[in-house]
Protein backbone atom coordinates (compact mmCIF):
# COMPACT_ATOMS: atom_id res chain seq x y z
CA MET A 1 96.15 29.86 86.87
CA PHE A 2 94.22 31.97 84.40
CA LYS A 3 92.66 30.93 81.12
CA ASN A 4 93.51 33.02 78.07
CA LYS A 5 90.12 33.77 76.49
CA ARG A 6 91.58 34.00 72.98
CA THR A 7 93.83 30.91 72.93
CA LYS A 8 91.92 28.89 75.55
CA GLN A 9 95.27 28.03 77.18
CA TRP A 10 95.92 28.11 80.90
CA ILE A 11 98.50 30.62 82.04
CA GLY A 12 100.40 30.04 85.28
CA VAL A 13 100.92 33.12 87.41
CA GLY A 14 102.45 32.82 90.85
CA ILE A 15 99.91 33.73 93.51
CA ALA A 16 102.50 35.80 95.36
CA ALA A 17 103.26 37.88 92.26
CA PHE A 18 99.56 38.28 91.42
CA SER A 19 98.71 39.21 95.02
CA ALA A 20 101.59 41.69 95.16
CA ILE A 21 100.31 43.40 92.00
CA CYS A 22 96.78 43.59 93.44
CA VAL A 23 98.07 45.07 96.70
CA MET A 24 100.14 47.63 94.79
CA ILE A 25 97.10 48.65 92.71
CA ILE A 26 94.94 48.98 95.83
CA THR A 27 97.64 51.03 97.53
CA ALA A 28 98.02 53.32 94.51
CA CYS A 29 94.26 53.88 94.29
CA SER A 30 93.50 54.40 97.95
CA GLY A 31 96.72 55.95 99.20
CA SER A 32 96.76 53.68 102.25
CA LEU A 33 96.20 50.06 103.06
CA ASP A 34 93.55 48.38 105.09
CA PRO A 35 95.31 46.63 108.03
CA ASP A 36 94.40 43.21 106.56
CA LEU A 37 95.86 44.18 103.19
CA GLU A 38 98.96 45.57 104.90
CA SER A 39 99.41 42.21 106.61
CA LEU A 40 98.95 40.39 103.28
CA ARG A 41 101.46 42.69 101.58
CA ASN A 42 104.02 42.03 104.33
CA GLU A 43 103.47 38.26 104.06
CA ILE A 44 104.04 38.44 100.30
CA ILE A 45 107.20 40.48 100.69
CA ASP A 46 108.51 38.14 103.41
CA SER A 47 107.79 35.05 101.29
CA THR A 48 109.93 36.38 98.43
CA ARG A 49 112.95 37.30 100.57
CA LYS A 50 115.97 35.04 100.55
CA THR A 51 118.67 34.88 103.20
CA TYR A 52 122.23 33.87 102.36
CA THR A 53 125.11 33.27 104.75
CA VAL A 54 128.68 34.37 104.15
CA THR A 55 130.94 32.29 106.40
CA PHE A 56 134.44 33.59 107.05
CA VAL A 57 136.70 30.58 107.48
CA ASP A 58 139.73 32.05 109.18
CA GLY A 59 141.74 28.88 109.88
CA VAL A 60 143.19 30.26 113.09
CA ASP A 61 144.19 28.25 116.14
CA VAL A 62 143.11 30.17 119.24
CA THR A 63 145.13 27.79 121.43
CA ASN A 64 148.27 29.26 119.79
CA GLY A 65 147.16 32.85 120.36
CA ASP A 66 145.66 33.39 116.90
CA ILE A 67 142.75 35.83 116.74
CA PRO A 68 139.65 34.74 114.73
CA ALA A 69 137.55 36.94 112.46
CA ASP A 70 134.60 38.55 114.22
CA PRO A 71 131.85 37.87 113.35
CA SER A 72 132.57 34.50 111.75
CA SER A 73 129.49 34.77 109.52
CA ILE A 74 127.21 37.47 108.17
CA GLN A 75 123.69 37.01 106.82
CA VAL A 76 122.47 38.91 103.76
CA THR A 77 118.70 39.06 103.22
CA THR A 78 117.29 40.28 99.91
CA PRO A 79 116.80 42.96 98.72
CA ALA A 80 120.27 43.59 100.18
CA THR A 81 123.04 42.11 98.03
CA THR A 82 126.27 42.72 99.99
CA VAL A 83 127.65 42.22 103.50
CA VAL A 84 128.25 46.01 103.73
CA THR A 85 131.09 45.57 106.25
CA LEU A 86 133.64 42.79 106.59
CA PRO A 87 134.50 41.08 109.88
CA SER A 88 137.61 42.00 111.81
CA GLU A 89 140.77 40.59 110.27
CA PRO A 90 141.91 37.24 111.63
CA ALA A 91 145.45 37.30 113.02
CA ARG A 92 147.97 34.47 112.84
CA ASP A 93 151.43 34.74 114.30
CA GLY A 94 154.05 35.00 111.54
CA TYR A 95 151.59 35.96 108.78
CA THR A 96 150.13 39.15 107.31
CA PHE A 97 146.43 39.08 106.41
CA GLU A 98 145.94 40.23 102.80
CA GLY A 99 142.15 39.93 102.44
CA TRP A 100 139.36 37.46 101.75
CA ASN A 101 138.98 35.15 98.73
CA THR A 102 136.29 32.72 97.59
CA ALA A 103 138.84 29.89 97.19
CA GLU A 104 141.05 28.42 99.90
CA ASP A 105 144.13 28.56 97.67
CA GLY A 106 143.51 32.21 96.74
CA THR A 107 142.69 31.47 93.09
CA GLY A 108 139.02 32.43 93.46
CA THR A 109 137.47 35.87 93.49
CA LYS A 110 138.64 38.53 95.93
CA PHE A 111 135.83 39.03 98.44
CA ILE A 112 135.26 42.63 99.55
CA ALA A 113 132.34 44.29 101.34
CA SER A 114 130.70 45.23 98.03
CA THR A 115 130.98 41.76 96.46
CA PRO A 116 127.47 40.67 95.33
CA VAL A 117 126.11 37.79 97.44
CA THR A 118 123.72 35.58 95.45
CA GLY A 119 124.00 32.40 97.52
CA ASN A 120 125.74 30.90 100.54
CA ILE A 121 129.48 31.42 100.26
CA SER A 122 132.69 30.99 102.24
CA GLY A 123 135.31 33.69 102.52
CA GLN A 124 138.82 32.25 102.85
CA PRO A 125 141.70 34.26 104.30
CA CYS A 126 144.66 35.17 102.09
CA ARG A 127 147.91 35.55 104.01
CA THR A 128 151.56 36.01 103.27
CA GLU A 129 154.18 34.54 105.52
CA ASN A 130 156.42 37.03 107.28
CA ILE A 131 160.04 36.06 106.65
CA PRO A 132 162.37 37.09 109.48
CA LEU A 133 165.20 39.34 108.32
CA SER A 134 167.66 36.96 109.97
CA LEU A 135 166.80 34.37 107.31
CA LEU A 136 167.54 36.68 104.39
CA THR A 137 170.93 36.71 102.73
CA VAL A 138 172.09 39.86 100.99
CA THR A 139 174.62 39.45 98.22
CA SER A 140 176.20 42.37 96.46
CA ARG A 141 178.24 42.41 93.25
CA TRP A 142 180.80 45.19 93.46
């Protein structure tokens, strides 16, 4: 907290933000950091980082020969904002994998490698059922 000399009001400034500014000024002036200041700068940076988990819920049944997504979750730590690469596609017999979505019923947002991650999220698989040709009926009007 700092007291504004003109208004006599207290101003709240986060110690991490204030410390980070001081370290940046010292770095700019000296060109290098004292080892203790380097340690302080790293602590400040680490304290402001956030880690989010993207969990890929593939809904496969490995006992039936389905193949799960790999990896099943990816962590994103700020300043990064995306998963960069998606996991391998989960495979389910009789279905074609179409991609990932933020909603189980596919009505959410399509999730791709460049989708911004701003919190923990689940990626749900979107699939279409493969219909055997033997079940299709062709009718012609000639």
